[in-house]
N, C-alpha and C. Protein backbone atom coordinates (compact mmCIF):
# COMPACT_ATOMS: atom_id res chain seq x y z
N MET A 1 -10.31 22.48 -6.96
CA MET A 1 -9.24 23.06 -8.22
C MET A 1 -9.69 22.27 -9.10
N ASN A 2 -9.51 22.64 -10.42
CA ASN A 2 -10.04 21.57 -11.43
C ASN A 2 -8.55 20.99 -11.77
N GLN A 3 -8.30 19.74 -11.99
CA GLN A 3 -7.30 18.54 -12.04
C GLN A 3 -7.33 17.94 -13.65
N SER A 4 -8.25 18.50 -14.27
CA SER A 4 -8.37 17.78 -15.61
C SER A 4 -9.34 18.54 -16.66
N HIS A 5 -7.70 18.07 -17.66
CA HIS A 5 -7.47 18.90 -18.74
C HIS A 5 -8.38 18.44 -19.37
N PRO A 6 -9.57 20.16 -20.24
CA PRO A 6 -11.05 19.07 -20.99
C PRO A 6 -11.06 18.42 -21.58
N SER A 7 -9.80 18.52 -22.87
CA SER A 7 -10.32 17.25 -24.07
C SER A 7 -10.31 16.12 -22.46
N LEU A 8 -8.78 15.71 -22.63
CA LEU A 8 -9.12 15.00 -21.49
C LEU A 8 -10.53 14.30 -20.39
N GLU A 9 -10.94 14.81 -19.64
CA GLU A 9 -11.46 14.71 -19.00
C GLU A 9 -12.96 13.81 -18.78
N ASN A 10 -12.71 12.83 -18.08
CA ASN A 10 -13.13 11.23 -17.42
C ASN A 10 -12.28 10.18 -18.43
N LEU A 11 -11.57 10.58 -18.78
CA LEU A 11 -10.39 9.23 -19.94
C LEU A 11 -9.35 8.73 -18.48
N TYR A 12 -8.68 7.64 -18.83
CA TYR A 12 -7.76 7.06 -18.06
C TYR A 12 -6.25 6.46 -17.91
N SER A 13 -5.41 6.64 -17.54
CA SER A 13 -4.34 5.87 -18.14
C SER A 13 -4.72 4.03 -19.10
N ALA A 14 -4.64 3.58 -18.49
CA ALA A 14 -5.41 2.01 -19.60
C ALA A 14 -5.29 2.13 -21.29
N VAL A 15 -7.25 3.17 -20.60
CA VAL A 15 -7.04 2.94 -21.96
C VAL A 15 -7.20 3.88 -23.24
N VAL A 16 -5.84 5.06 -22.40
CA VAL A 16 -4.90 6.09 -23.42
C VAL A 16 -3.79 5.13 -23.69
N ALA A 17 -3.16 4.63 -22.82
CA ALA A 17 -2.10 3.39 -23.14
C ALA A 17 -2.69 2.32 -24.68
N ASP A 18 -3.76 1.47 -24.22
CA ASP A 18 -4.57 1.17 -25.30
C ASP A 18 -4.77 1.56 -26.56
N VAL A 19 -5.17 2.38 -27.16
CA VAL A 19 -5.44 3.30 -28.18
C VAL A 19 -3.87 3.80 -28.73
N LEU A 20 -2.32 4.02 -27.85
CA LEU A 20 -1.85 4.82 -28.46
C LEU A 20 -0.73 3.73 -29.16
N ASP A 21 -0.76 2.00 -28.39
CA ASP A 21 -0.80 1.21 -29.03
C ASP A 21 -1.13 0.81 -30.24
N SER A 22 -2.42 0.53 -30.62
CA SER A 22 -3.30 0.46 -31.61
C SER A 22 -2.60 1.82 -33.30
N LEU A 23 -1.92 2.66 -32.73
CA LEU A 23 -1.62 4.03 -33.41
C LEU A 23 0.08 3.69 -33.66
N GLY A 24 0.71 2.19 -32.75
CA GLY A 24 1.84 2.17 -33.12
C GLY A 24 2.97 3.10 -32.17
N TYR A 25 2.00 3.35 -31.12
CA TYR A 25 3.30 3.92 -29.97
C TYR A 25 2.53 3.33 -28.80
N ARG A 26 4.12 2.38 -28.32
CA ARG A 26 3.73 1.13 -27.67
C ARG A 26 4.22 1.17 -26.52
N ASN A 27 5.42 2.31 -26.44
CA ASN A 27 5.69 2.70 -25.45
C ASN A 27 5.89 4.22 -24.75
N GLN A 28 5.44 4.33 -24.66
CA GLN A 28 4.05 5.52 -23.46
C GLN A 28 3.52 5.79 -22.31
N SER A 29 4.15 4.47 -22.11
CA SER A 29 3.74 4.47 -20.39
C SER A 29 5.13 4.83 -19.54
N LEU A 30 4.95 5.53 -17.98
CA LEU A 30 6.31 6.17 -17.56
C LEU A 30 6.90 4.57 -16.62
N PRO A 31 8.04 4.57 -16.34
CA PRO A 31 7.80 3.47 -15.59
C PRO A 31 6.98 2.85 -14.18
N ALA A 32 6.86 1.99 -13.57
CA ALA A 32 6.48 2.18 -12.82
C ALA A 32 6.29 2.26 -11.62
N GLN A 33 7.27 2.05 -11.55
CA GLN A 33 7.88 3.18 -9.48
C GLN A 33 7.22 5.10 -9.62
N ILE A 34 5.88 5.34 -10.40
CA ILE A 34 6.03 6.86 -11.01
C ILE A 34 4.61 6.67 -9.71
N ARG A 35 4.16 6.45 -8.84
CA ARG A 35 3.36 6.72 -8.10
C ARG A 35 2.50 7.30 -7.56
N ALA A 36 1.52 8.19 -7.55
CA ALA A 36 0.88 9.15 -6.53
C ALA A 36 1.33 8.56 -5.65
N LEU A 37 1.96 10.00 -4.54
CA LEU A 37 2.05 10.19 -3.49
C LEU A 37 1.61 10.71 -2.46
N THR A 38 0.34 11.46 -2.98
CA THR A 38 -0.56 11.82 -2.49
C THR A 38 -1.93 11.64 -2.71
N PRO A 39 -3.21 11.84 -1.71
CA PRO A 39 -4.84 11.18 -2.04
C PRO A 39 -5.26 11.91 -3.05
N ALA A 40 -5.09 12.95 -3.81
CA ALA A 40 -5.42 13.41 -5.02
C ALA A 40 -4.19 12.37 -5.75
N GLN A 41 -4.90 11.41 -6.08
CA GLN A 41 -4.46 10.69 -7.23
C GLN A 41 -4.68 9.74 -8.93
N CYS A 42 -5.42 11.75 -9.47
CA CYS A 42 -5.68 11.84 -10.78
C CYS A 42 -5.76 12.91 -11.27
N VAL A 43 -4.47 13.60 -12.30
CA VAL A 43 -3.84 14.76 -13.36
C VAL A 43 -3.83 14.14 -14.59
N THR A 44 -4.43 15.04 -15.44
CA THR A 44 -4.41 15.30 -17.15
C THR A 44 -3.89 17.00 -17.10
N GLY A 45 -3.49 17.39 -18.10
CA GLY A 45 -2.79 18.53 -18.12
C GLY A 45 -2.05 18.30 -19.76
N VAL A 46 -1.40 19.52 -20.47
CA VAL A 46 -0.88 19.54 -21.05
C VAL A 46 0.60 19.41 -20.54
N VAL A 47 1.71 18.86 -20.67
CA VAL A 47 3.45 18.62 -20.56
C VAL A 47 3.97 20.03 -20.15
N TYR A 48 4.97 20.03 -19.41
CA TYR A 48 6.00 21.49 -19.73
C TYR A 48 7.02 20.12 -18.86
N THR A 49 7.60 20.33 -19.59
CA THR A 49 9.25 19.44 -19.20
C THR A 49 10.50 20.27 -18.31
N ALA A 50 10.67 19.69 -18.10
CA ALA A 50 12.06 19.59 -17.35
C ALA A 50 13.00 18.49 -16.35
N ARG A 51 14.51 19.16 -16.65
CA ARG A 51 14.85 18.62 -16.18
C ARG A 51 16.42 18.16 -14.95
N ALA A 52 16.21 17.68 -14.23
CA ALA A 52 17.11 18.21 -12.95
C ALA A 52 18.52 17.24 -13.23
N GLU A 53 19.21 17.23 -12.13
CA GLU A 53 20.16 16.11 -11.61
C GLU A 53 20.84 15.83 -10.19
N THR A 54 21.16 15.20 -10.08
CA THR A 54 21.42 15.45 -8.57
C THR A 54 23.46 16.17 -8.65
N VAL A 55 23.61 16.72 -7.47
CA VAL A 55 24.50 17.46 -7.17
C VAL A 55 24.96 17.35 -5.30
N ASP A 56 25.89 17.28 -5.89
CA ASP A 56 26.54 17.92 -4.36
C ASP A 56 27.32 19.03 -3.55
N ALA A 57 26.78 19.72 -4.10
CA ALA A 57 27.67 21.08 -4.43
C ALA A 57 26.27 22.60 -4.53
N ILE A 58 25.74 23.50 -3.50
CA ILE A 58 25.06 24.81 -3.76
C ILE A 58 25.11 25.39 -4.69
N PRO A 59 24.12 25.47 -5.58
CA PRO A 59 24.28 26.15 -6.74
C PRO A 59 24.83 27.47 -6.91
N GLU A 60 24.99 28.31 -7.94
CA GLU A 60 25.23 29.49 -7.20
C GLU A 60 23.77 30.15 -7.08
N GLU A 61 22.94 30.05 -7.88
CA GLU A 61 21.84 30.08 -7.93
C GLU A 61 20.63 29.71 -7.22
N PRO A 62 20.49 28.24 -6.32
CA PRO A 62 19.83 27.91 -5.95
C PRO A 62 17.77 28.10 -6.48
N TYR A 63 17.41 26.62 -6.80
CA TYR A 63 16.12 26.74 -7.25
C TYR A 63 15.98 27.83 -8.47
N LYS A 64 16.76 28.35 -9.05
CA LYS A 64 17.30 29.75 -9.87
C LYS A 64 15.68 28.53 -11.50
N LEU A 65 15.46 28.53 -11.42
CA LEU A 65 14.95 27.25 -12.70
C LEU A 65 13.83 26.91 -12.02
N GLU A 66 13.75 25.97 -11.10
CA GLU A 66 12.72 25.75 -10.31
C GLU A 66 11.76 26.80 -9.92
N ILE A 67 12.13 28.38 -10.21
CA ILE A 67 11.11 29.42 -9.76
C ILE A 67 10.55 29.95 -11.73
N GLN A 68 11.96 29.82 -12.37
CA GLN A 68 11.27 29.95 -13.64
C GLN A 68 10.52 29.54 -14.48
N ALA A 69 10.34 28.19 -13.76
CA ALA A 69 9.54 26.52 -14.85
C ALA A 69 7.89 27.48 -13.80
N VAL A 70 7.70 27.29 -13.20
CA VAL A 70 6.44 27.66 -12.09
C VAL A 70 6.60 29.22 -12.75
N GLU A 71 7.23 30.23 -13.18
CA GLU A 71 6.24 31.46 -13.90
C GLU A 71 6.55 31.27 -15.40
N GLN A 72 7.02 30.29 -15.33
CA GLN A 72 6.24 29.81 -17.34
C GLN A 72 5.20 28.90 -17.76
N MET A 73 5.13 28.16 -16.25
CA MET A 73 3.62 27.64 -16.74
C MET A 73 1.91 27.68 -16.47
N GLN A 74 0.89 27.98 -17.78
CA GLN A 74 0.03 28.23 -17.32
C GLN A 74 -0.91 26.82 -16.87
N ALA A 75 -2.25 27.80 -16.82
CA ALA A 75 -3.19 26.66 -15.74
C ALA A 75 -3.23 25.54 -17.22
N GLY A 76 -3.62 24.82 -16.49
CA GLY A 76 -3.92 23.47 -17.02
C GLY A 76 -3.18 22.46 -17.28
N ASN A 77 -1.40 23.12 -17.42
CA ASN A 77 0.12 22.25 -17.60
C ASN A 77 -0.30 21.57 -16.40
N VAL A 78 0.82 20.65 -16.77
CA VAL A 78 1.18 19.37 -15.81
C VAL A 78 3.21 19.04 -15.73
N LEU A 79 3.60 19.26 -14.38
CA LEU A 79 5.28 20.06 -14.77
C LEU A 79 6.04 17.82 -14.81
N LEU A 80 7.02 17.61 -15.16
CA LEU A 80 7.15 16.36 -15.79
C LEU A 80 8.76 16.36 -15.85
N VAL A 81 9.38 16.14 -14.70
CA VAL A 81 10.41 16.36 -14.69
C VAL A 81 11.64 15.26 -14.24
N ASP A 82 12.66 15.53 -14.72
CA ASP A 82 13.41 14.09 -14.43
C ASP A 82 14.71 14.43 -13.78
N VAL A 83 14.45 13.72 -13.58
CA VAL A 83 15.63 13.70 -11.63
C VAL A 83 16.05 12.81 -12.06
N GLY A 84 16.12 11.40 -12.82
CA GLY A 84 17.55 10.62 -12.73
C GLY A 84 16.95 9.57 -11.78
N ASN A 85 15.68 9.63 -11.57
CA ASN A 85 15.43 8.77 -10.20
C ASN A 85 16.02 9.09 -8.29
N ASP A 86 16.12 10.22 -9.11
CA ASP A 86 17.25 10.79 -7.17
C ASP A 86 16.64 10.63 -5.82
N GLU A 87 17.35 9.74 -5.19
CA GLU A 87 16.28 9.66 -3.70
C GLU A 87 16.84 10.29 -2.79
N THR A 88 18.18 11.33 -3.14
CA THR A 88 18.77 11.58 -1.68
C THR A 88 18.30 13.27 -1.54
N CYS A 89 17.12 13.73 -1.24
CA CYS A 89 16.03 14.79 -1.40
C CYS A 89 14.96 14.38 -1.91
N GLY A 90 14.19 15.49 -0.61
CA GLY A 90 12.22 15.59 -1.71
C GLY A 90 13.10 17.35 -2.29
N PHE A 91 12.13 16.88 -3.73
CA PHE A 91 12.93 17.47 -4.39
C PHE A 91 11.37 18.60 -4.62
N TRP A 92 10.59 17.99 -3.99
CA TRP A 92 9.17 18.90 -4.51
C TRP A 92 8.36 18.72 -2.86
N GLY A 93 7.95 20.66 -2.78
CA GLY A 93 7.38 20.46 -1.22
C GLY A 93 6.41 21.64 -1.64
N GLU A 94 6.05 21.86 -0.45
CA GLU A 94 4.51 22.41 0.34
C GLU A 94 5.02 24.54 -0.55
N LEU A 95 5.84 24.36 -0.73
CA LEU A 95 5.58 25.93 -1.44
C LEU A 95 5.84 26.46 -3.12
N LEU A 96 6.79 25.19 -3.37
CA LEU A 96 6.35 24.66 -4.29
C LEU A 96 5.14 23.98 -5.22
N THR A 97 3.99 23.71 -4.17
CA THR A 97 2.66 22.97 -4.83
C THR A 97 2.09 24.57 -4.10
N THR A 98 2.01 25.31 -3.79
CA THR A 98 1.38 26.47 -3.30
C THR A 98 0.94 27.67 -4.20
N ALA A 99 2.72 27.51 -5.53
CA ALA A 99 2.27 28.24 -6.14
C ALA A 99 1.70 28.22 -6.64
N CYS A 100 1.98 26.50 -7.43
CA CYS A 100 1.41 26.36 -8.66
C CYS A 100 0.22 25.86 -8.06
N MET A 101 -0.51 26.21 -7.51
CA MET A 101 -1.63 25.93 -7.50
C MET A 101 -2.56 27.57 -7.74
N TYR A 102 -1.80 28.85 -7.48
CA TYR A 102 -2.05 30.03 -7.55
C TYR A 102 -2.18 29.74 -9.09
N LYS A 103 -1.68 29.21 -9.44
CA LYS A 103 -0.83 29.20 -11.67
C LYS A 103 -1.70 28.78 -11.90
N GLY A 104 -2.67 28.25 -11.17
CA GLY A 104 -3.75 27.13 -12.11
C GLY A 104 -3.01 25.66 -12.17
N VAL A 105 -1.32 25.57 -12.36
CA VAL A 105 -0.59 23.95 -12.32
C VAL A 105 -1.39 23.13 -11.79
N SER A 106 -1.90 21.97 -13.40
CA SER A 106 -2.60 20.78 -12.59
C SER A 106 -1.86 19.64 -11.84
N GLY A 107 -0.87 19.51 -11.95
CA GLY A 107 -0.03 19.09 -10.97
C GLY A 107 1.59 18.08 -11.23
N VAL A 108 2.33 17.78 -10.84
CA VAL A 108 3.54 17.67 -10.80
C VAL A 108 3.77 15.53 -10.97
N VAL A 109 4.16 15.31 -12.37
CA VAL A 109 5.10 14.36 -12.21
C VAL A 109 6.60 14.29 -12.27
N MET A 110 7.13 13.74 -11.34
CA MET A 110 8.71 13.79 -11.57
C MET A 110 9.25 11.95 -11.23
N THR A 111 10.73 11.60 -11.01
CA THR A 111 11.38 10.88 -10.95
C THR A 111 12.00 11.08 -9.68
N ALA A 112 12.01 11.95 -9.19
CA ALA A 112 12.20 12.15 -7.55
C ALA A 112 10.68 11.59 -6.40
N CYS A 113 11.24 12.32 -5.03
CA CYS A 113 10.64 12.01 -3.90
C CYS A 113 9.89 13.65 -3.33
N THR A 114 8.63 14.13 -2.91
CA THR A 114 8.22 14.32 -2.58
C THR A 114 8.89 14.93 -1.01
N ARG A 115 8.53 15.38 -0.04
CA ARG A 115 8.11 16.32 0.99
C ARG A 115 7.58 17.21 2.27
N ASP A 116 6.91 17.19 2.63
CA ASP A 116 6.34 18.25 3.18
C ASP A 116 4.95 17.86 3.33
N MET A 117 5.04 16.70 3.31
CA MET A 117 3.71 15.73 2.95
C MET A 117 2.61 15.86 4.41
N TRP A 118 2.94 16.67 4.62
CA TRP A 118 2.06 16.78 5.95
C TRP A 118 0.60 18.06 6.10
N LYS A 119 1.44 19.04 4.96
CA LYS A 119 0.79 19.97 4.05
C LYS A 119 -0.34 19.82 3.25
N ILE A 120 0.91 18.77 1.98
CA ILE A 120 0.76 18.31 0.23
C ILE A 120 -0.52 17.86 0.88
N LYS A 121 -1.07 16.89 1.41
CA LYS A 121 -2.55 15.53 1.48
C LYS A 121 -3.30 16.65 1.46
N ASP A 122 -3.69 17.89 2.21
CA ASP A 122 -4.06 18.17 1.78
C ASP A 122 -4.80 19.36 1.50
N MET A 123 -4.02 19.62 0.06
CA MET A 123 -4.05 20.55 -0.61
C MET A 123 -4.94 20.27 -1.50
N ASP A 124 -5.51 18.93 -2.32
CA ASP A 124 -5.61 18.60 -2.98
C ASP A 124 -5.16 18.98 -4.72
N PHE A 125 -3.65 18.65 -4.83
CA PHE A 125 -2.77 18.95 -5.38
C PHE A 125 -2.15 16.95 -5.73
N PRO A 126 -1.73 17.22 -7.17
CA PRO A 126 -1.34 15.54 -7.33
C PRO A 126 -0.62 15.69 -7.77
N VAL A 127 0.60 15.04 -6.58
CA VAL A 127 2.05 14.58 -7.35
C VAL A 127 2.43 13.32 -7.46
N PHE A 128 2.94 13.11 -8.22
CA PHE A 128 3.46 11.69 -8.65
C PHE A 128 4.66 11.30 -8.44
N GLY A 129 5.56 10.62 -7.72
CA GLY A 129 7.17 10.59 -8.32
C GLY A 129 6.66 8.74 -7.22
N ILE A 130 8.51 8.99 -7.11
CA ILE A 130 9.05 7.80 -6.67
C ILE A 130 9.51 7.25 -5.44
N GLY A 131 8.70 8.35 -4.19
CA GLY A 131 9.05 8.18 -3.01
C GLY A 131 8.78 9.48 -1.98
N TYR A 132 9.13 9.09 -0.71
CA TYR A 132 9.47 10.85 0.59
C TYR A 132 10.95 10.68 0.46
N HIS A 133 10.77 11.46 1.05
CA HIS A 133 12.59 12.27 1.49
C HIS A 133 12.56 13.30 2.48
N PRO A 134 13.57 13.39 3.46
CA PRO A 134 12.58 14.76 4.34
C PRO A 134 13.53 15.89 4.02
N ALA A 135 15.10 15.58 4.02
CA ALA A 135 16.14 16.53 2.96
C ALA A 135 16.06 17.20 2.07
N ASP A 136 16.22 18.68 2.28
CA ASP A 136 15.43 19.69 1.07
C ASP A 136 16.83 19.97 -0.02
N SER A 137 15.69 20.18 -1.20
CA SER A 137 16.46 19.60 -2.33
C SER A 137 18.32 20.47 -2.45
N LYS A 138 18.31 21.38 -2.01
CA LYS A 138 18.75 22.53 -2.18
C LYS A 138 20.42 21.95 -2.05
N GLY A 139 21.57 21.60 -3.28
CA GLY A 139 22.07 21.03 -3.17
C GLY A 139 22.63 19.61 -2.88
N ARG A 140 21.53 19.03 -3.33
CA ARG A 140 21.12 18.34 -4.11
C ARG A 140 20.19 17.79 -5.09
N ALA A 141 19.59 18.19 -5.37
CA ALA A 141 19.24 18.20 -6.96
C ALA A 141 18.59 19.33 -7.59
N ASP A 142 18.85 19.64 -8.55
CA ASP A 142 18.99 21.00 -9.56
C ASP A 142 18.09 20.95 -10.72
N ILE A 143 17.33 22.17 -11.00
CA ILE A 143 16.67 21.63 -12.73
C ILE A 143 18.13 22.74 -13.16
N VAL A 144 18.18 21.54 -14.25
CA VAL A 144 19.99 22.39 -15.38
C VAL A 144 19.09 23.16 -16.79
N GLU A 145 17.80 22.43 -16.75
CA GLU A 145 17.25 22.83 -18.27
C GLU A 145 15.60 23.07 -17.29
N ILE A 146 14.82 23.92 -19.03
CA ILE A 146 13.63 23.65 -18.33
C ILE A 146 13.34 23.78 -19.70
N ASP A 147 12.00 23.00 -20.81
CA ASP A 147 10.90 23.42 -21.86
C ASP A 147 11.90 22.41 -22.62
N VAL A 148 12.75 21.20 -22.56
CA VAL A 148 12.82 20.64 -23.41
C VAL A 148 12.72 19.10 -23.56
N PRO A 149 12.84 18.93 -24.13
CA PRO A 149 12.40 17.40 -24.50
C PRO A 149 13.44 16.65 -23.83
N ILE A 150 12.81 15.04 -23.65
CA ILE A 150 13.08 14.40 -22.11
C ILE A 150 13.57 13.69 -22.21
N THR A 151 13.69 12.02 -21.64
CA THR A 151 13.37 10.71 -21.81
C THR A 151 13.15 10.39 -20.65
N ILE A 152 12.38 9.59 -20.27
CA ILE A 152 12.08 8.45 -18.96
C ILE A 152 11.48 7.30 -19.26
N GLY A 153 12.75 7.10 -18.57
CA GLY A 153 12.01 5.23 -18.69
C GLY A 153 12.46 4.62 -19.97
N GLY A 154 12.57 5.77 -21.30
CA GLY A 154 12.73 5.20 -22.50
C GLY A 154 11.43 5.61 -22.97
N VAL A 155 10.86 7.00 -22.62
CA VAL A 155 9.35 7.31 -23.10
C VAL A 155 9.55 8.58 -23.61
N SER A 156 9.77 9.76 -24.64
CA SER A 156 10.53 10.76 -24.83
C SER A 156 9.01 11.47 -24.59
N ALA A 157 9.02 12.57 -23.74
CA ALA A 157 8.33 13.23 -23.64
C ALA A 157 8.71 15.43 -24.32
N ARG A 158 7.80 15.80 -24.72
CA ARG A 158 7.86 16.86 -24.56
C ARG A 158 6.77 17.61 -24.65
N SER A 159 7.52 19.45 -24.20
CA SER A 159 6.43 20.86 -24.28
C SER A 159 4.92 20.17 -24.53
N GLY A 160 3.94 20.57 -24.15
CA GLY A 160 3.00 20.39 -25.04
C GLY A 160 2.19 19.29 -25.08
N ASP A 161 3.11 18.26 -25.04
CA ASP A 161 2.59 17.23 -24.92
C ASP A 161 1.03 16.69 -24.16
N LEU A 162 0.29 15.49 -23.85
CA LEU A 162 -0.72 15.82 -24.04
C LEU A 162 -0.64 14.68 -21.73
N ILE A 163 -0.54 14.74 -21.21
CA ILE A 163 -0.70 13.06 -19.95
C ILE A 163 -1.77 13.21 -19.17
N VAL A 164 -1.40 11.55 -19.08
CA VAL A 164 -2.88 10.80 -18.24
C VAL A 164 -1.79 10.10 -17.52
N ALA A 165 -2.30 10.81 -15.83
CA ALA A 165 -1.82 10.05 -14.78
C ALA A 165 -2.78 9.50 -13.76
N ASP A 166 -2.82 7.96 -13.48
CA ASP A 166 -3.87 7.73 -12.58
C ASP A 166 -2.91 6.65 -11.33
N GLU A 167 -3.94 5.76 -10.57
CA GLU A 167 -3.91 5.19 -10.31
C GLU A 167 -2.56 4.07 -10.54
N ASP A 168 -3.80 3.68 -12.27
CA ASP A 168 -2.51 2.98 -13.21
C ASP A 168 -1.79 2.97 -13.38
N GLY A 169 -0.73 4.62 -13.35
CA GLY A 169 0.25 4.98 -14.14
C GLY A 169 0.40 6.17 -14.37
N VAL A 170 1.22 6.92 -15.08
CA VAL A 170 1.15 7.55 -16.22
C VAL A 170 1.68 7.34 -17.56
N VAL A 171 0.61 7.70 -18.53
CA VAL A 171 0.88 7.94 -20.19
C VAL A 171 1.08 8.98 -20.68
N ILE A 172 2.43 9.27 -21.15
CA ILE A 172 2.15 10.69 -22.37
C ILE A 172 1.53 10.44 -23.92
N ILE A 173 0.22 11.13 -23.47
CA ILE A 173 0.49 11.21 -25.25
C ILE A 173 1.26 12.45 -26.40
N PRO A 174 2.22 11.56 -27.75
CA PRO A 174 2.48 12.45 -28.50
C PRO A 174 1.60 13.33 -28.43
N GLN A 175 2.04 14.54 -29.27
CA GLN A 175 1.17 16.15 -29.31
C GLN A 175 0.24 15.73 -30.72
N ASP A 176 1.66 14.93 -31.49
CA ASP A 176 0.94 14.54 -32.81
C ASP A 176 0.12 14.36 -32.89
N VAL A 177 -0.69 13.29 -32.09
CA VAL A 177 -1.56 12.18 -32.78
C VAL A 177 -2.62 12.28 -31.52
N ALA A 178 -2.20 13.51 -30.42
CA ALA A 178 -3.24 13.59 -29.67
C ALA A 178 -4.99 14.19 -30.05
N ASP A 179 -5.07 14.68 -30.72
CA ASP A 179 -6.68 14.44 -31.10
C ASP A 179 -6.87 13.44 -31.40
N LYS A 180 -6.07 11.90 -32.88
CA LYS A 180 -6.55 11.49 -32.40
C LYS A 180 -6.88 10.32 -31.73
N ALA A 181 -6.12 10.45 -30.39
CA ALA A 181 -5.79 9.52 -29.51
C ALA A 181 -6.94 9.14 -29.14
N VAL A 182 -6.87 10.76 -28.28
CA VAL A 182 -8.21 11.36 -26.97
C VAL A 182 -9.67 10.71 -27.50
N LYS A 183 -9.73 10.64 -29.51
CA LYS A 183 -11.54 10.32 -30.37
C LYS A 183 -10.58 9.04 -29.72
N LEU A 184 -9.92 8.37 -30.40
CA LEU A 184 -10.33 6.58 -29.90
C LEU A 184 -10.59 6.81 -28.80
N ALA A 185 -9.90 7.00 -27.68
CA ALA A 185 -9.32 6.38 -26.19
C ALA A 185 -11.56 7.07 -25.51
N ARG A 186 -12.03 7.90 -26.41
CA ARG A 186 -13.21 8.15 -26.08
C ARG A 186 -14.53 7.23 -26.29
N GLU A 187 -13.52 6.50 -27.67
CA GLU A 187 -14.78 5.61 -28.51
C GLU A 187 -14.66 4.46 -27.14
N LYS A 188 -13.38 4.17 -27.09
CA LYS A 188 -13.02 2.66 -26.57
C LYS A 188 -14.10 2.76 -25.20
N ILE A 189 -14.00 3.73 -24.38
CA ILE A 189 -14.60 3.71 -23.17
C ILE A 189 -15.56 3.65 -23.57
N SER A 190 -16.84 3.89 -24.95
CA SER A 190 -17.89 3.69 -25.21
C SER A 190 -17.71 2.29 -24.61
N GLY A 191 -17.11 0.83 -26.09
CA GLY A 191 -17.42 0.35 -26.57
C GLY A 191 -17.03 -0.84 -24.59
N GLU A 192 -16.09 -0.33 -23.86
CA GLU A 192 -16.26 -1.19 -22.53
C GLU A 192 -17.58 -1.06 -21.77
N ASN A 193 -18.19 0.07 -21.97
CA ASN A 193 -19.37 0.38 -21.02
C ASN A 193 -20.79 -0.57 -21.70
N VAL A 194 -20.24 -0.74 -22.87
CA VAL A 194 -21.51 -1.83 -24.59
C VAL A 194 -20.98 -3.42 -23.17
N VAL A 195 -19.18 -3.79 -23.36
CA VAL A 195 -19.23 -5.11 -22.70
C VAL A 195 -18.99 -4.67 -21.64
N ARG A 196 -18.98 -4.32 -21.24
CA ARG A 196 -19.01 -4.38 -18.97
C ARG A 196 -20.80 -4.89 -18.98
N LYS A 197 -21.95 -3.98 -19.67
CA LYS A 197 -23.38 -4.13 -19.59
C LYS A 197 -23.19 -5.86 -19.70
N GLU A 198 -23.32 -6.13 -21.32
CA GLU A 198 -23.31 -7.88 -21.53
C GLU A 198 -23.32 -8.45 -20.67
N LEU A 199 -21.30 -8.84 -19.89
CA LEU A 199 -21.05 -9.34 -18.69
C LEU A 199 -21.88 -9.51 -18.21
N LEU A 200 -22.10 -7.88 -17.53
CA LEU A 200 -23.13 -8.00 -15.33
C LEU A 200 -24.76 -8.89 -16.40
N GLU A 201 -24.99 -8.76 -18.05
CA GLU A 201 -26.09 -9.42 -17.72
C GLU A 201 -26.22 -11.19 -18.11
N GLY A 202 -24.40 -11.65 -18.14
CA GLY A 202 -23.84 -12.80 -18.19
C GLY A 202 -23.94 -13.70 -18.97
N VAL A 203 -23.61 -12.83 -20.26
CA VAL A 203 -23.12 -12.90 -22.34
C VAL A 203 -21.84 -13.95 -21.04
N PRO A 204 -21.82 -15.17 -22.16
CA PRO A 204 -20.51 -15.51 -22.35
C PRO A 204 -19.17 -14.65 -22.40
N MET A 205 -18.47 -14.37 -21.47
CA MET A 205 -16.65 -13.92 -22.17
C MET A 205 -16.58 -13.92 -23.57
N GLY A 206 -16.18 -14.75 -23.95
CA GLY A 206 -16.04 -15.59 -25.37
C GLY A 206 -17.14 -15.06 -26.73
N GLU A 207 -18.19 -14.76 -25.88
CA GLU A 207 -18.94 -14.55 -26.41
C GLU A 207 -18.58 -12.86 -27.29
N VAL A 208 -18.29 -12.04 -26.18
CA VAL A 208 -19.00 -10.84 -25.94
C VAL A 208 -17.45 -10.43 -26.70
N PHE A 209 -16.30 -11.25 -26.23
CA PHE A 209 -15.00 -10.06 -26.92
C PHE A 209 -15.28 -10.37 -28.84
N ALA A 210 -15.77 -11.93 -29.22
CA ALA A 210 -15.53 -12.06 -30.22
C ALA A 210 -16.86 -10.87 -31.01
N LYS A 211 -17.65 -10.61 -29.86
CA LYS A 211 -18.69 -9.34 -31.11
C LYS A 211 -18.31 -8.13 -31.07
N TYR A 212 -17.32 -7.80 -30.07
CA TYR A 212 -16.73 -5.98 -30.04
C TYR A 212 -14.98 -6.02 -29.88
N GLY A 213 -14.76 -7.37 -29.65
CA GLY A 213 -13.32 -7.86 -29.84
C GLY A 213 -12.51 -6.54 -28.75
N ILE A 214 -12.77 -6.43 -27.51
CA ILE A 214 -12.84 -5.18 -26.21
C ILE A 214 -12.39 -6.51 -25.05
N LEU A 215 -11.43 -6.03 -24.53
CA LEU A 215 -11.22 -7.32 -23.27
C LEU A 215 -10.52 -5.98 -21.92
C-alpha cells in the first residue's frame, strides 16, 4: 500500500515544522500525545476532516457519518478526527481500516483510541492516536460533522490541507502555503545532507553552522 502522498515523498515532520516556522506558521504541530499506534509509523497525504463527540447514548443512526466519511474520501486522503481526547472507547477498528484500505486512504490521525490491534498491526495501515481501548465506540463517541474546519491542540486544519506524520509527531501544512512549504522542505533536506557530510568528515559544528545556518 502507498502511504506517501507524491508531493510529500521522503519529507519528514521535523523539517516540515522548521520550514513552516520560517514562513510564520509556528503552531502547526499536533499535541505530543498523538502518536503512531501501529507498526506503520509514517503517513502523508491530503487531510479529510471530521469532528466527533463523546456521547452517553446510542445515536439513532450509529456510525452514520463514519460511513459517509469513508465513502467520500479518496485515495491519498488521511482522515483527521478531533474526538476531544476521548478515552472511553476504541474509536477506530479493523473494519474501518479495511474499508479505508480498499479506498486507498493512506491513514488516520485522531485524538482518540483504537482497538482490534491484533489485526490492524498486520495491515500496514498507519493509525495515529492517544492509546488503545477495547470498548466499542457505539454509544460512547460519534462523529457529528465531516469535512469541516477543526482545531486540535490549537492547530487549525481543513480538508485539503496536507499532513506529515511520523515517529516525531504530526504536522499540518496549510493548503495556502503547501507548494512553498514543500519546496523549502526539500531544499532544507538537501542542505542537511551537506551539513551531515561535513560533520562526519570532522568539520567543527560551529564552523558548519556559521557556513550553512542549519542545525
